[in-house]
Amino acid sequence: MHHVRLALLRAMLAAAMIALPADLAAGSAATAPGDKAMLMDFSHVTSRARAEALVKRGELVKIRLLPKRFGGPNAPENTSYVPAGTEVALDFAHDRIAGLVDIKAVDRMTIKPEYRGKSKVPAAITYICHGAADKPPITITVNIW
């Protein structure tokens, strides 16, 4: 059973490392011929009140920076906001980290949200996963906008 889980984890990691086409990697949306892509911009969301208003409209969702499955508290300092749909990418990253924890490759983690300007919506969230002292950390970044 352990070998099967390890093989699945390796396959997931390999699939996640496949390069995206340049236009998708840059954050552009899929467009029809002749359309111009509109990049996401949440620089105007500079307060929790504005973020909560966008949550009510369905444009943003509230998340825990340290997810509940890893013991993250439901506290203001652990709360952030991301565009609706971003939870899929975050869940995928969290699943990868959980797999690393399961095989004992990771025993602690640092989470670094990166913001643009005064925005309350992170442009990216980086998970730095640490394990054995003689091994480099495993870094997973989810680019958001």
Protein backbone atom coordinates (compact mmCIF):
# COMPACT_ATOMS: atom_id res chain seq x y z
CA MET A 1 0.00 0.00 0.00
CA HIS A 2 2.84 2.39 0.84
CA HIS A 3 4.38 1.86 -2.62
CA VAL A 4 1.07 2.64 -4.31
CA ARG A 5 0.67 5.89 -2.36
CA LEU A 6 4.25 6.88 -3.11
CA ALA A 7 3.77 6.16 -6.82
CA LEU A 8 0.56 8.20 -6.88
CA LEU A 9 2.27 11.09 -5.10
CA ARG A 10 5.15 11.03 -7.59
CA ALA A 11 2.69 11.01 -10.50
CA MET A 12 0.80 13.97 -9.01
CA LEU A 13 4.00 15.92 -8.50
CA ALA A 14 5.16 15.18 -12.05
CA ALA A 15 1.80 16.25 -13.48
CA ALA A 16 1.89 19.47 -11.48
CA MET A 17 5.30 20.35 -12.86
CA ILE A 18 4.25 20.22 -16.51
CA ALA A 19 4.83 23.67 -18.00
CA LEU A 20 1.83 25.71 -19.06
CA PRO A 21 1.73 27.59 -22.35
CA ALA A 22 3.27 31.06 -21.95
CA ASP A 23 -0.07 32.90 -22.21
CA LEU A 24 -1.63 30.82 -19.42
CA ALA A 25 1.45 30.94 -17.22
CA ALA A 26 1.36 34.73 -17.42
CA GLY A 27 -2.12 34.74 -15.91
CA SER A 28 -4.20 35.57 -18.98
CA ALA A 29 -7.69 34.22 -19.34
CA ALA A 30 -8.75 31.97 -22.20
CA THR A 31 -10.12 34.13 -25.00
CA ALA A 32 -11.76 33.77 -28.37
CA PRO A 33 -9.85 34.92 -31.47
CA GLY A 34 -9.73 38.70 -31.55
CA ASP A 35 -10.64 39.11 -27.88
CA LYS A 36 -8.26 40.79 -25.48
CA ALA A 37 -7.45 38.98 -22.27
CA MET A 38 -8.27 40.79 -19.05
CA LEU A 39 -5.86 40.14 -16.23
CA MET A 40 -7.24 39.95 -12.72
CA ASP A 41 -6.53 43.00 -10.59
CA PHE A 42 -7.48 43.20 -6.95
CA SER A 43 -5.32 46.19 -6.03
CA HIS A 44 -8.48 48.15 -5.16
CA VAL A 45 -9.37 45.71 -2.36
CA THR A 46 -7.53 47.51 0.42
CA SER A 47 -9.77 46.74 3.39
CA ARG A 48 -11.41 43.71 4.96
CA ALA A 49 -14.77 45.46 4.56
CA ARG A 50 -14.27 45.73 0.78
CA ALA A 51 -13.12 42.10 0.65
CA GLU A 52 -16.19 40.97 2.62
CA ALA A 53 -18.44 42.92 0.22
CA LEU A 54 -16.85 41.03 -2.70
CA VAL A 55 -17.35 37.75 -0.81
CA LYS A 56 -21.09 38.56 -0.60
CA ARG A 57 -21.12 39.21 -4.39
CA GLY A 58 -19.36 35.87 -5.01
CA GLU A 59 -16.21 37.41 -6.49
CA LEU A 60 -13.95 36.49 -3.57
CA VAL A 61 -13.96 33.65 -1.06
CA LYS A 62 -12.60 33.69 2.47
CA ILE A 63 -9.80 31.21 3.19
CA ARG A 64 -7.50 30.23 6.01
CA LEU A 65 -3.85 30.82 5.14
CA LEU A 66 -2.92 27.82 7.29
CA PRO A 67 -5.70 25.41 6.28
CA LYS A 68 -7.96 23.79 8.85
CA ARG A 69 -6.63 20.33 7.89
CA PHE A 70 -3.17 21.40 9.10
CA GLY A 71 -4.53 22.94 12.32
CA GLY A 72 -5.09 26.48 11.07
CA PRO A 73 -7.25 28.49 13.46
CA ASN A 74 -10.36 30.41 12.46
CA ALA A 75 -8.79 33.74 13.45
CA PRO A 76 -8.46 37.13 11.71
CA GLU A 77 -4.67 36.79 11.40
CA ASN A 78 -5.14 33.47 9.56
CA THR A 79 -7.87 34.81 7.26
CA SER A 80 -7.36 35.94 3.69
CA TYR A 81 -9.43 36.40 0.54
CA VAL A 82 -8.91 34.94 -2.93
CA PRO A 83 -10.86 35.06 -6.20
CA ALA A 84 -13.65 32.48 -6.46
CA GLY A 85 -12.27 29.34 -8.08
CA THR A 86 -8.80 29.73 -6.60
CA GLU A 87 -9.74 27.22 -3.90
CA VAL A 88 -9.25 24.44 -6.47
CA ALA A 89 -5.56 25.31 -6.93
CA LEU A 90 -5.12 25.79 -3.18
CA ASP A 91 -6.77 22.43 -2.43
CA PHE A 92 -4.45 20.77 -4.95
CA ALA A 93 -1.41 22.34 -3.23
CA HIS A 94 -2.75 21.29 0.18
CA ASP A 95 -3.26 17.72 -1.09
CA ARG A 96 0.35 17.65 -2.30
CA ILE A 97 1.57 18.88 1.07
CA ALA A 98 -0.61 16.33 2.91
CA GLY A 99 0.94 13.61 0.76
CA LEU A 100 4.41 14.78 1.74
CA VAL A 101 3.37 14.76 5.40
CA ASP A 102 1.98 11.23 5.00
CA ILE A 103 5.31 9.91 3.71
CA LYS A 104 7.11 11.87 6.45
CA ALA A 105 9.03 14.04 3.98
CA VAL A 106 7.64 17.19 5.64
CA ASP A 107 7.15 17.96 9.33
CA ARG A 108 6.76 21.76 9.36
CA MET A 109 5.69 24.51 7.00
CA THR A 110 6.04 28.25 6.50
CA ILE A 111 3.33 30.10 4.60
CA LYS A 112 4.18 33.37 2.85
CA PRO A 113 1.34 35.29 1.23
CA GLU A 114 2.61 37.91 -1.23
CA TYR A 115 0.60 41.10 -1.69
CA ARG A 116 0.68 43.87 -4.29
CA GLY A 117 0.49 47.31 -2.80
CA LYS A 118 -2.09 47.61 -0.05
CA SER A 119 -4.37 44.90 -1.44
CA LYS A 120 -5.89 42.43 1.03
CA VAL A 121 -6.00 39.79 -1.74
CA PRO A 122 -2.69 37.94 -2.03
CA ALA A 123 -1.13 37.85 -5.49
CA ALA A 124 0.46 34.52 -4.56
CA ILE A 125 0.75 32.15 -1.61
CA THR A 126 3.99 30.22 -1.12
CA TYR A 127 4.21 27.13 1.06
CA ILE A 128 7.74 26.30 2.21
CA CYS A 129 7.74 22.73 3.49
CA HIS A 130 10.60 21.57 5.68
CA GLY A 131 11.62 18.04 6.54
CA ALA A 132 15.01 16.52 7.21
CA ALA A 133 17.74 19.03 8.05
CA ASP A 134 20.01 17.65 5.32
CA LYS A 135 17.38 18.14 2.58
CA PRO A 136 16.37 21.43 0.97
CA PRO A 137 12.83 22.67 1.64
CA ILE A 138 10.08 21.90 -0.86
CA THR A 139 8.46 25.10 -2.11
CA ILE A 140 4.99 25.24 -3.65
CA THR A 141 3.67 28.57 -4.95
CA VAL A 142 0.10 29.22 -6.01
CA ASN A 143 -0.04 32.33 -8.22
CA ILE A 144 -3.39 34.02 -7.76
CA TRP A 145 -3.43 37.30 -9.72
